[in-house]
Amino acid sequence: MTVDRESIRADRLDLAYVTAEIVDVDGILVLFADNLVTFNIEGDGRLRAVGNGDPISHTPFTGNEMEAYQGKVLAVVQSGGREGSVTLSARGPGLKDSSVTIAIE
């Protein structure tokens, strides 16, 4: 997983965009992967939305899970009101668990 920035402001408004990619053992993106990815958040933050870029997907953006589209899934994390950090984890059937920690300043 990669995040678009290392830290977000502790103002309950700032957002970080996290991309989860399904890769093979060599680290190459698996374009046909459509695994269901479930996100969990720990710390002073909220999972605001999930998405995959699939123009025909009917999966709601407001849940905590989304099918990958062309091997990718996006999660949007919103800061809380306290400094510290928030950790977003992702898991799915047949996938290795992954997580990323974002500083809240």
PDB file of N, CA and C in Angstrom:
ATOM      1  N   MET A   1       0.848  -1.170   0.000  1.00  0.00           N
ATOM      2  CA  MET A   1       0.000   0.000   0.000  1.00  0.00           C
ATOM      3  C   MET A   1       0.894   1.233   0.000  1.00  0.00           C
ATOM      4  N   THR A   2       0.426   2.244  -0.701  1.00  0.00           N
ATOM      5  CA  THR A   2       1.146   3.509  -0.727  1.00  0.00           C
ATOM      6  C   THR A   2       0.177   4.633  -0.389  1.00  0.00           C
ATOM      7  N   VAL A   3       0.700   5.639   0.286  1.00  0.00           N
ATOM      8  CA  VAL A   3      -0.120   6.781   0.675  1.00  0.00           C
ATOM      9  C   VAL A   3       0.422   8.024  -0.027  1.00  0.00           C
ATOM     10  N   ASP A   4      -0.461   8.945  -0.362  1.00  0.00           N
ATOM     11  CA  ASP A   4      -0.056  10.121  -1.126  1.00  0.00           C
ATOM     12  C   ASP A   4       0.737  11.139  -0.313  1.00  0.00           C
ATOM     13  N   ARG A   5       0.773  10.991   1.010  1.00  0.00           N
ATOM     14  CA  ARG A   5       1.534  11.909   1.858  1.00  0.00           C
ATOM     15  C   ARG A   5       1.864  11.242   3.176  1.00  0.00           C
ATOM     16  N   GLU A   6       2.896  11.722   3.841  1.00  0.00           N
ATOM     17  CA  GLU A   6       3.348  11.105   5.081  1.00  0.00           C
ATOM     18  C   GLU A   6       2.533  11.527   6.289  1.00  0.00           C
ATOM     19  N   SER A   7       1.928  12.721   6.230  1.00  0.00           N
ATOM     20  CA  SER A   7       1.175  13.208   7.386  1.00  0.00           C
ATOM     21  C   SER A   7      -0.017  14.037   6.929  1.00  0.00           C
ATOM     22  N   ILE A   8      -1.006  14.111   7.827  1.00  0.00           N
ATOM     23  CA  ILE A   8      -2.175  14.951   7.605  1.00  0.00           C
ATOM     24  C   ILE A   8      -2.408  15.790   8.862  1.00  0.00           C
ATOM     25  N   ARG A   9      -3.122  16.887   8.699  1.00  0.00           N
ATOM     26  CA  ARG A   9      -3.384  17.791   9.823  1.00  0.00           C
ATOM     27  C   ARG A   9      -4.454  17.230  10.749  1.00  0.00           C
ATOM     28  N   ALA A  10      -4.314  17.497  12.028  1.00  0.00           N
ATOM     29  CA  ALA A  10      -5.273  17.025  13.043  1.00  0.00           C
ATOM     30  C   ALA A  10      -6.438  17.998  13.145  1.00  0.00           C
ATOM     31  N   ASP A  11      -7.142  18.199  12.037  1.00  0.00           N
ATOM     32  CA  ASP A  11      -8.232  19.179  12.011  1.00  0.00           C
ATOM     33  C   ASP A  11      -9.586  18.560  11.674  1.00  0.00           C
ATOM     34  N   ARG A  12      -9.655  17.250  11.646  1.00  0.00           N
ATOM     35  CA  ARG A  12     -10.872  16.502  11.308  1.00  0.00           C
ATOM     36  C   ARG A  12     -11.340  16.714   9.858  1.00  0.00           C
ATOM     37  N   LEU A  13     -10.501  17.364   9.048  1.00  0.00           N
ATOM     38  CA  LEU A  13     -10.869  17.644   7.666  1.00  0.00           C
ATOM     39  C   LEU A  13      -9.879  17.094   6.648  1.00  0.00           C
ATOM     40  N   ASP A  14      -8.610  17.010   7.038  1.00  0.00           N
ATOM     41  CA  ASP A  14      -7.571  16.631   6.095  1.00  0.00           C
ATOM     42  C   ASP A  14      -7.729  15.179   5.668  1.00  0.00           C
ATOM     43  N   LEU A  15      -7.321  14.896   4.441  1.00  0.00           N
ATOM     44  CA  LEU A  15      -7.479  13.572   3.856  1.00  0.00           C
ATOM     45  C   LEU A  15      -6.160  13.025   3.340  1.00  0.00           C
ATOM     46  N   ALA A  16      -6.020  11.719   3.389  1.00  0.00           N
ATOM     47  CA  ALA A  16      -4.918  11.012   2.748  1.00  0.00           C
ATOM     48  C   ALA A  16      -5.524   9.951   1.844  1.00  0.00           C
ATOM     49  N   TYR A  17      -4.921   9.760   0.694  1.00  0.00           N
ATOM     50  CA  TYR A  17      -5.394   8.786  -0.276  1.00  0.00           C
ATOM     51  C   TYR A  17      -4.407   7.619  -0.302  1.00  0.00           C
ATOM     52  N   VAL A  18      -4.919   6.425  -0.031  1.00  0.00           N
ATOM     53  CA  VAL A  18      -4.083   5.229   0.066  1.00  0.00           C
ATOM     54  C   VAL A  18      -4.467   4.284  -1.072  1.00  0.00           C
ATOM     55  N   THR A  19      -3.470   3.882  -1.845  1.00  0.00           N
ATOM     56  CA  THR A  19      -3.691   2.950  -2.938  1.00  0.00           C
ATOM     57  C   THR A  19      -3.160   1.576  -2.543  1.00  0.00           C
ATOM     58  N   ALA A  20      -4.026   0.589  -2.615  1.00  0.00           N
ATOM     59  CA  ALA A  20      -3.623  -0.798  -2.385  1.00  0.00           C
ATOM     60  C   ALA A  20      -3.511  -1.469  -3.748  1.00  0.00           C
ATOM     61  N   GLU A  21      -2.354  -2.056  -4.002  1.00  0.00           N
ATOM     62  CA  GLU A  21      -2.130  -2.739  -5.266  1.00  0.00           C
ATOM     63  C   GLU A  21      -1.921  -4.230  -5.018  1.00  0.00           C
ATOM     64  N   ILE A  22      -2.515  -5.035  -5.860  1.00  0.00           N
ATOM     65  CA  ILE A  22      -2.319  -6.478  -5.785  1.00  0.00           C
ATOM     66  C   ILE A  22      -1.191  -6.818  -6.749  1.00  0.00           C
ATOM     67  N   VAL A  23      -0.106  -7.329  -6.163  1.00  0.00           N
ATOM     68  CA  VAL A  23       1.085  -7.633  -6.956  1.00  0.00           C
ATOM     69  C   VAL A  23       1.435  -9.111  -6.802  1.00  0.00           C
ATOM     70  N   ASP A  24       2.223  -9.610  -7.761  1.00  0.00           N
ATOM     71  CA  ASP A  24       2.668 -11.004  -7.684  1.00  0.00           C
ATOM     72  C   ASP A  24       3.942 -11.097  -6.840  1.00  0.00           C
ATOM     73  N   VAL A  25       4.540 -12.278  -6.766  1.00  0.00           N
ATOM     74  CA  VAL A  25       5.724 -12.488  -5.924  1.00  0.00           C
ATOM     75  C   VAL A  25       6.907 -11.642  -6.366  1.00  0.00           C
ATOM     76  N   ASP A  26       6.900 -11.168  -7.607  1.00  0.00           N
ATOM     77  CA  ASP A  26       7.972 -10.318  -8.116  1.00  0.00           C
ATOM     78  C   ASP A  26       7.651  -8.832  -7.984  1.00  0.00           C
ATOM     79  N   GLY A  27       6.503  -8.520  -7.371  1.00  0.00           N
ATOM     80  CA  GLY A  27       6.115  -7.119  -7.185  1.00  0.00           C
ATOM     81  C   GLY A  27       5.466  -6.483  -8.402  1.00  0.00           C
ATOM     82  N   ILE A  28       5.045  -7.285  -9.354  1.00  0.00           N
ATOM     83  CA  ILE A  28       4.412  -6.781 -10.577  1.00  0.00           C
ATOM     84  C   ILE A  28       2.900  -6.746 -10.390  1.00  0.00           C
ATOM     85  N   LEU A  29       2.290  -5.625 -10.748  1.00  0.00           N
ATOM     86  CA  LEU A  29       0.850  -5.439 -10.619  1.00  0.00           C
ATOM     87  C   LEU A  29       0.106  -6.510 -11.413  1.00  0.00           C
ATOM     88  N   VAL A  30      -0.889  -7.130 -10.765  1.00  0.00           N
ATOM     89  CA  VAL A  30      -1.713  -8.163 -11.406  1.00  0.00           C
ATOM     90  C   VAL A  30      -2.970  -7.467 -11.942  1.00  0.00           C
ATOM     91  N   LEU A  31      -2.945  -7.135 -13.225  1.00  0.00           N
ATOM     92  CA  LEU A  31      -4.009  -6.328 -13.821  1.00  0.00           C
ATOM     93  C   LEU A  31      -5.377  -6.994 -13.812  1.00  0.00           C
ATOM     94  N   PHE A  32      -5.441  -8.312 -13.814  1.00  0.00           N
ATOM     95  CA  PHE A  32      -6.737  -9.004 -13.837  1.00  0.00           C
ATOM     96  C   PHE A  32      -7.270  -9.280 -12.434  1.00  0.00           C
ATOM     97  N   ALA A  33      -6.544  -8.871 -11.394  1.00  0.00           N
ATOM     98  CA  ALA A  33      -6.976  -9.150 -10.017  1.00  0.00           C
ATOM     99  C   ALA A  33      -8.228  -8.357  -9.674  1.00  0.00           C
ATOM    100  N   ASP A  34      -9.217  -9.069  -9.127  1.00  0.00           N
ATOM    101  CA  ASP A  34     -10.462  -8.423  -8.701  1.00  0.00           C
ATOM    102  C   ASP A  34     -10.846  -8.869  -7.289  1.00  0.00           C
ATOM    103  N   ASN A  35      -9.838  -9.187  -6.483  1.00  0.00           N
ATOM    104  CA  ASN A  35     -10.058  -9.663  -5.115  1.00  0.00           C
ATOM    105  C   ASN A  35     -10.837  -8.633  -4.307  1.00  0.00           C
ATOM    106  N   LEU A  36     -11.639  -9.137  -3.383  1.00  0.00           N
ATOM    107  CA  LEU A  36     -12.322  -8.265  -2.430  1.00  0.00           C
ATOM    108  C   LEU A  36     -11.318  -7.868  -1.346  1.00  0.00           C
ATOM    109  N   VAL A  37     -11.149  -6.569  -1.135  1.00  0.00           N
ATOM    110  CA  VAL A  37     -10.222  -6.045  -0.141  1.00  0.00           C
ATOM    111  C   VAL A  37     -11.036  -5.383   0.968  1.00  0.00           C
ATOM    112  N   THR A  38     -10.760  -5.769   2.210  1.00  0.00           N
ATOM    113  CA  THR A  38     -11.434  -5.193   3.373  1.00  0.00           C
ATOM    114  C   THR A  38     -10.434  -4.337   4.139  1.00  0.00           C
ATOM    115  N   PHE A  39     -10.851  -3.103   4.453  1.00  0.00           N
ATOM    116  CA  PHE A  39      -9.992  -2.153   5.167  1.00  0.00           C
ATOM    117  C   PHE A  39     -10.433  -2.041   6.619  1.00  0.00           C
ATOM    118  N   ASN A  40      -9.449  -1.814   7.486  1.00  0.00           N
ATOM    119  CA  ASN A  40      -9.694  -1.571   8.902  1.00  0.00           C
ATOM    120  C   ASN A  40      -8.818  -0.395   9.313  1.00  0.00           C
ATOM    121  N   ILE A  41      -9.350   0.457  10.165  1.00  0.00           N
ATOM    122  CA  ILE A  41      -8.590   1.631  10.595  1.00  0.00           C
ATOM    123  C   ILE A  41      -8.446   1.627  12.106  1.00  0.00           C
ATOM    124  N   GLU A  42      -7.249   1.999  12.575  1.00  0.00           N
ATOM    125  CA  GLU A  42      -6.964   2.109  14.000  1.00  0.00           C
ATOM    126  C   GLU A  42      -6.328   3.462  14.255  1.00  0.00           C
ATOM    127  N   GLY A  43      -6.752   4.104  15.322  1.00  0.00           N
ATOM    128  CA  GLY A  43      -6.215   5.417  15.660  1.00  0.00           C
ATOM    129  C   GLY A  43      -7.270   6.489  15.459  1.00  0.00           C
ATOM    130  N   ASP A  44      -6.853   7.739  15.608  1.00  0.00           N
ATOM    131  CA  ASP A  44      -7.778   8.865  15.542  1.00  0.00           C
ATOM    132  C   ASP A  44      -7.977   9.307  14.093  1.00  0.00           C
ATOM    133  N   GLY A  45      -8.757   8.539  13.375  1.00  0.00           N
ATOM    134  CA  GLY A  45      -9.070   8.840  11.988  1.00  0.00           C
ATOM    135  C   GLY A  45     -10.275   8.026  11.556  1.00  0.00           C
ATOM    136  N   ARG A  46     -10.755   8.318  10.361  1.00  0.00           N
ATOM    137  CA  ARG A  46     -11.916   7.619   9.818  1.00  0.00           C
ATOM    138  C   ARG A  46     -11.655   7.186   8.398  1.00  0.00           C
ATOM    139  N   LEU A  47     -12.215   6.062   8.030  1.00  0.00           N
ATOM    140  CA  LEU A  47     -12.211   5.631   6.646  1.00  0.00           C
ATOM    141  C   LEU A  47     -13.407   6.310   5.987  1.00  0.00           C
ATOM    142  N   ARG A  48     -13.153   7.284   5.143  1.00  0.00           N
ATOM    143  CA  ARG A  48     -14.242   8.076   4.552  1.00  0.00           C
ATOM    144  C   ARG A  48     -14.833   7.446   3.299  1.00  0.00           C
ATOM    145  N   ALA A  49     -13.994   6.780   2.507  1.00  0.00           N
ATOM    146  CA  ALA A  49     -14.500   6.209   1.255  1.00  0.00           C
ATOM    147  C   ALA A  49     -13.531   5.160   0.739  1.00  0.00           C
ATOM    148  N   VAL A  50     -14.066   4.284  -0.102  1.00  0.00           N
ATOM    149  CA  VAL A  50     -13.263   3.326  -0.842  1.00  0.00           C
ATOM    150  C   VAL A  50     -13.705   3.391  -2.296  1.00  0.00           C
ATOM    151  N   GLY A  51     -12.816   3.039  -3.198  1.00  0.00           N
ATOM    152  CA  GLY A  51     -13.166   3.060  -4.612  1.00  0.00           C
ATOM    153  C   GLY A  51     -12.206   2.215  -5.404  1.00  0.00           C
ATOM    154  N   ASN A  52     -12.574   1.970  -6.661  1.00  0.00           N
ATOM    155  CA  ASN A  52     -11.695   1.151  -7.491  1.00  0.00           C
ATOM    156  C   ASN A  52     -11.559   1.662  -8.917  1.00  0.00           C
ATOM    157  N   GLY A  53     -12.276   2.673  -9.311  1.00  0.00           N
ATOM    158  CA  GLY A  53     -12.168   3.212 -10.657  1.00  0.00           C
ATOM    159  C   GLY A  53     -12.935   2.450 -11.715  1.00  0.00           C
ATOM    160  N   ASP A  54     -13.632   1.399 -11.327  1.00  0.00           N
ATOM    161  CA  ASP A  54     -14.398   0.605 -12.281  1.00  0.00           C
ATOM    162  C   ASP A  54     -15.665   1.377 -12.652  1.00  0.00           C
ATOM    163  N   PRO A  55     -15.814   1.746 -13.908  1.00  0.00           N
ATOM    164  CA  PRO A  55     -16.970   2.561 -14.290  1.00  0.00           C
ATOM    165  C   PRO A  55     -18.316   1.846 -14.190  1.00  0.00           C
ATOM    166  N   ILE A  56     -18.318   0.512 -14.065  1.00  0.00           N
ATOM    167  CA  ILE A  56     -19.600  -0.191 -13.962  1.00  0.00           C
ATOM    168  C   ILE A  56     -19.822  -0.822 -12.590  1.00  0.00           C
ATOM    169  N   SER A  57     -18.950  -0.506 -11.625  1.00  0.00           N
ATOM    170  CA  SER A  57     -19.107  -1.054 -10.277  1.00  0.00           C
ATOM    171  C   SER A  57     -20.295  -0.406  -9.577  1.00  0.00           C
ATOM    172  N   HIS A  58     -21.055  -1.224  -8.868  1.00  0.00           N
ATOM    173  CA  HIS A  58     -22.194  -0.724  -8.093  1.00  0.00           C
ATOM    174  C   HIS A  58     -21.938  -0.818  -6.589  1.00  0.00           C
ATOM    175  N   THR A  59     -20.717  -1.141  -6.213  1.00  0.00           N
ATOM    176  CA  THR A  59     -20.362  -1.248  -4.804  1.00  0.00           C
ATOM    177  C   THR A  59     -20.329   0.140  -4.182  1.00  0.00           C
ATOM    178  N   PRO A  60     -21.011   0.353  -3.054  1.00  0.00           N
ATOM    179  CA  PRO A  60     -21.024   1.680  -2.423  1.00  0.00           C
ATOM    180  C   PRO A  60     -19.627   2.116  -1.993  1.00  0.00           C
ATOM    181  N   PHE A  61     -19.365   3.410  -2.087  1.00  0.00           N
ATOM    182  CA  PHE A  61     -18.089   3.991  -1.687  1.00  0.00           C
ATOM    183  C   PHE A  61     -17.981   4.144  -0.176  1.00  0.00           C
ATOM    184  N   THR A  62     -19.088   4.001   0.532  1.00  0.00           N
ATOM    185  CA  THR A  62     -19.127   4.315   1.959  1.00  0.00           C
ATOM    186  C   THR A  62     -18.834   3.146   2.876  1.00  0.00           C
ATOM    187  N   GLY A  63     -18.598   1.980   2.344  1.00  0.00           N
ATOM    188  CA  GLY A  63     -18.307   0.817   3.175  1.00  0.00           C
ATOM    189  C   GLY A  63     -16.833   0.725   3.515  1.00  0.00           C
ATOM    190  N   ASN A  64     -16.436  -0.456   3.970  1.00  0.00           N
ATOM    191  CA  ASN A  64     -15.024  -0.659   4.279  1.00  0.00           C
ATOM    192  C   ASN A  64     -14.404  -1.742   3.395  1.00  0.00           C
ATOM    193  N   GLU A  65     -15.115  -2.118   2.330  1.00  0.00           N
ATOM    194  CA  GLU A  65     -14.559  -3.107   1.423  1.00  0.00           C
ATOM    195  C   GLU A  65     -14.917  -2.775  -0.011  1.00  0.00           C
ATOM    196  N   MET A  66     -14.042  -3.253  -0.918  1.00  0.00           N
ATOM    197  CA  MET A  66     -14.211  -2.964  -2.337  1.00  0.00           C
ATOM    198  C   MET A  66     -13.451  -4.015  -3.130  1.00  0.00           C
ATOM    199  N   GLU A  67     -14.003  -4.397  -4.282  1.00  0.00           N
ATOM    200  CA  GLU A  67     -13.300  -5.297  -5.172  1.00  0.00           C
ATOM    201  C   GLU A  67     -12.215  -4.506  -5.895  1.00  0.00           C
ATOM    202  N   ALA A  68     -11.071  -5.140  -6.097  1.00  0.00           N
ATOM    203  CA  ALA A  68     -10.014  -4.502  -6.874  1.00  0.00           C
ATOM    204  C   ALA A  68     -10.467  -4.397  -8.329  1.00  0.00           C
ATOM    205  N   TYR A  69      -9.996  -3.397  -8.994  1.00  0.00           N
ATOM    206  CA  TYR A  69     -10.232  -3.227 -10.429  1.00  0.00           C
ATOM    207  C   TYR A  69      -8.866  -3.005 -11.065  1.00  0.00           C
ATOM    208  N   GLN A  70      -8.524  -3.861 -11.997  1.00  0.00           N
ATOM    209  CA  GLN A  70      -7.206  -3.842 -12.625  1.00  0.00           C
ATOM    210  C   GLN A  70      -6.102  -3.846 -11.567  1.00  0.00           C
ATOM    211  N   GLY A  71      -6.350  -4.602 -10.493  1.00  0.00           N
ATOM    212  CA  GLY A  71      -5.356  -4.815  -9.456  1.00  0.00           C
ATOM    213  C   GLY A  71      -5.213  -3.715  -8.424  1.00  0.00           C
ATOM    214  N   LYS A  72      -6.123  -2.729  -8.428  1.00  0.00           N
ATOM    215  CA  LYS A  72      -5.985  -1.611  -7.503  1.00  0.00           C
ATOM    216  C   LYS A  72      -7.286  -1.288  -6.766  1.00  0.00           C
ATOM    217  N   VAL A  73      -7.120  -0.761  -5.548  1.00  0.00           N
ATOM    218  CA  VAL A  73      -8.229  -0.275  -4.735  1.00  0.00           C
ATOM    219  C   VAL A  73      -7.746   0.988  -4.030  1.00  0.00           C
ATOM    220  N   LEU A  74      -8.633   1.964  -3.872  1.00  0.00           N
ATOM    221  CA  LEU A  74      -8.294   3.215  -3.199  1.00  0.00           C
ATOM    222  C   LEU A  74      -9.077   3.339  -1.902  1.00  0.00           C
ATOM    223  N   ALA A  75      -8.418   3.841  -0.860  1.00  0.00           N
ATOM    224  CA  ALA A  75      -9.087   4.147   0.410  1.00  0.00           C
ATOM    225  C   ALA A  75      -8.777   5.593   0.769  1.00  0.00           C
ATOM    226  N   VAL A  76      -9.780   6.308   1.264  1.00  0.00           N
ATOM    227  CA  VAL A  76      -9.610   7.697   1.673  1.00  0.00           C
ATOM    228  C   VAL A  76      -9.721   7.756   3.194  1.00  0.00           C
ATOM    229  N   VAL A  77      -8.654   8.261   3.837  1.00  0.00           N
ATOM    230  CA  VAL A  77      -8.582   8.351   5.293  1.00  0.00           C
ATOM    231  C   VAL A  77      -8.700   9.816   5.701  1.00  0.00           C
ATOM    232  N   GLN A  78      -9.584  10.090   6.670  1.00  0.00           N
ATOM    233  CA  GLN A  78      -9.774  11.442   7.195  1.00  0.00           C
ATOM    234  C   GLN A  78      -9.182  11.524   8.597  1.00  0.00           C
ATOM    235  N   SER A  79      -8.526  12.641   8.885  1.00  0.00           N
ATOM    236  CA  SER A  79      -7.901  12.819  10.194  1.00  0.00           C
ATOM    237  C   SER A  79      -8.935  13.031  11.283  1.00  0.00           C
ATOM    238  N   GLY A  80      -8.510  12.712  12.501  1.00  0.00           N
ATOM    239  CA  GLY A  80      -9.297  13.046  13.680  1.00  0.00           C
ATOM    240  C   GLY A  80      -8.817  14.379  14.229  1.00  0.00           C
ATOM    241  N   GLY A  81      -9.158  14.659  15.452  1.00  0.00           N
ATOM    242  CA  GLY A  81      -8.815  15.944  16.044  1.00  0.00           C
ATOM    243  C   GLY A  81      -7.595  15.915  16.943  1.00  0.00           C
ATOM    244  N   ARG A  82      -6.944  14.740  17.068  1.00  0.00           N
ATOM    245  CA  ARG A  82      -5.777  14.641  17.948  1.00  0.00           C
ATOM    246  C   ARG A  82      -4.528  14.287  17.146  1.00  0.00           C
ATOM    247  N   GLU A  83      -3.407  14.806  17.607  1.00  0.00           N
ATOM    248  CA  GLU A  83      -2.138  14.442  16.989  1.00  0.00           C
ATOM    249  C   GLU A  83      -1.791  13.004  17.355  1.00  0.00           C
ATOM    250  N   GLY A  84      -1.031  12.372  16.509  1.00  0.00           N
ATOM    251  CA  GLY A  84      -0.643  10.981  16.727  1.00  0.00           C
ATOM    252  C   GLY A  84      -0.481  10.296  15.388  1.00  0.00           C
ATOM    253  N   SER A  85      -1.181   9.192  15.220  1.00  0.00           N
ATOM    254  CA  SER A  85      -1.114   8.482  13.946  1.00  0.00           C
ATOM    255  C   SER A  85      -2.378   7.652  13.755  1.00  0.00           C
ATOM    256  N   VAL A  86      -2.561   7.250  12.527  1.00  0.00           N
ATOM    257  CA  VAL A  86      -3.664   6.374  12.167  1.00  0.00           C
ATOM    258  C   VAL A  86      -3.086   5.279  11.271  1.00  0.00           C
ATOM    259  N   THR A  87      -3.521   4.047  11.489  1.00  0.00           N
ATOM    260  CA  THR A  87      -3.036   2.924  10.693  1.00  0.00           C
ATOM    261  C   THR A  87      -4.191   2.325   9.915  1.00  0.00           C
ATOM    262  N   LEU A  88      -3.994   2.191   8.627  1.00  0.00           N
ATOM    263  CA  LEU A  88      -4.975   1.565   7.750  1.00  0.00           C
ATOM    264  C   LEU A  88      -4.425   0.210   7.340  1.00  0.00           C
ATOM    265  N   SER A  89      -5.207  -0.837   7.561  1.00  0.00           N
ATOM    266  CA  SER A  89      -4.791  -2.170   7.154  1.00  0.00           C
ATOM    267  C   SER A  89      -5.755  -2.692   6.093  1.00  0.00           C
ATOM    268  N   ALA A  90      -5.238  -3.594   5.269  1.00  0.00           N
ATOM    269  CA  ALA A  90      -6.039  -4.194   4.199  1.00  0.00           C
ATOM    270  C   ALA A  90      -5.786  -5.689   4.200  1.00  0.00           C
ATOM    271  N   ARG A  91      -6.857  -6.432   3.946  1.00  0.00           N
ATOM    272  CA  ARG A  91      -6.750  -7.887   3.857  1.00  0.00           C
ATOM    273  C   ARG A  91      -7.801  -8.393   2.887  1.00  0.00           C
ATOM    274  N   GLY A  92      -7.564  -9.580   2.412  1.00  0.00           N
ATOM    275  CA  GLY A  92      -8.528 -10.196   1.511  1.00  0.00           C
ATOM    276  C   GLY A  92      -8.178 -11.640   1.263  1.00  0.00           C
ATOM    277  N   PRO A  93      -9.150 -12.439   0.851  1.00  0.00           N
ATOM    278  CA  PRO A  93      -8.907 -13.847   0.570  1.00  0.00           C
ATOM    279  C   PRO A  93      -7.814 -14.023  -0.488  1.00  0.00           C
ATOM    280  N   GLY A  94      -6.812 -14.833  -0.144  1.00  0.00           N
ATOM    281  CA  GLY A  94      -5.728 -15.083  -1.068  1.00  0.00           C
ATOM    282  C   GLY A  94      -4.676 -14.000  -1.129  1.00  0.00           C
ATOM    283  N   LEU A  95      -4.811 -12.985  -0.296  1.00  0.00           N
ATOM    284  CA  LEU A  95      -3.866 -11.864  -0.311  1.00  0.00           C
ATOM    285  C   LEU A  95      -3.075 -11.803   0.986  1.00  0.00           C
ATOM    286  N   LYS A  96      -1.878 -11.257   0.923  1.00  0.00           N
ATOM    287  CA  LYS A  96      -1.077 -11.002   2.099  1.00  0.00           C
ATOM    288  C   LYS A  96      -1.583  -9.720   2.755  1.00  0.00           C
ATOM    289  N   ASP A  97      -1.768  -9.745   4.068  1.00  0.00           N
ATOM    290  CA  ASP A  97      -2.221  -8.537   4.790  1.00  0.00           C
ATOM    291  C   ASP A  97      -1.187  -7.434   4.629  1.00  0.00           C
ATOM    292  N   SER A  98      -1.657  -6.199   4.617  1.00  0.00           N
ATOM    293  CA  SER A  98      -0.775  -5.050   4.460  1.00  0.00           C
ATOM    294  C   SER A  98      -1.311  -3.899   5.281  1.00  0.00           C
ATOM    295  N   SER A  99      -0.436  -2.976   5.665  1.00  0.00           N
ATOM    296  CA  SER A  99      -0.887  -1.793   6.398  1.00  0.00           C
ATOM    297  C   SER A  99       0.042  -0.626   6.125  1.00  0.00           C
ATOM    298  N   VAL A 100      -0.467   0.556   6.403  1.00  0.00           N
ATOM    299  CA  VAL A 100       0.298   1.793   6.275  1.00  0.00           C
ATOM    300  C   VAL A 100      -0.098   2.697   7.431  1.00  0.00           C
ATOM    301  N   THR A 101       0.882   3.409   7.977  1.00  0.00           N
ATOM    302  CA  THR A 101       0.629   4.329   9.080  1.00  0.00           C
ATOM    303  C   THR A 101       0.841   5.753   8.606  1.00  0.00           C
ATOM    304  N   ILE A 102      -0.107   6.614   8.948  1.00  0.00           N
ATOM    305  CA  ILE A 102      -0.071   8.018   8.556  1.00  0.00           C
ATOM    306  C   ILE A 102       0.024   8.863   9.826  1.00  0.00           C
ATOM    307  N   ALA A 103       0.965   9.771   9.856  1.00  0.00           N
ATOM    308  CA  ALA A 103       1.113  10.673  11.005  1.00  0.00           C
ATOM    309  C   ALA A 103       0.008  11.721  10.973  1.00  0.00           C
ATOM    310  N   ILE A 104      -0.500  12.075  12.159  1.00  0.00           N
ATOM    311  CA  ILE A 104      -1.479  13.148  12.284  1.00  0.00           C
ATOM    312  C   ILE A 104      -0.821  14.237  13.110  1.00  0.00           C
ATOM    313  N   GLU A 105      -0.652  15.406  12.510  1.00  0.00           N
ATOM    314  CA  GLU A 105       0.072  16.505  13.164  1.00  0.00           C
ATOM    315  C   GLU A 105      -0.801  17.725  13.355  1.00  0.00           C
TER     316      GLU A 105
END
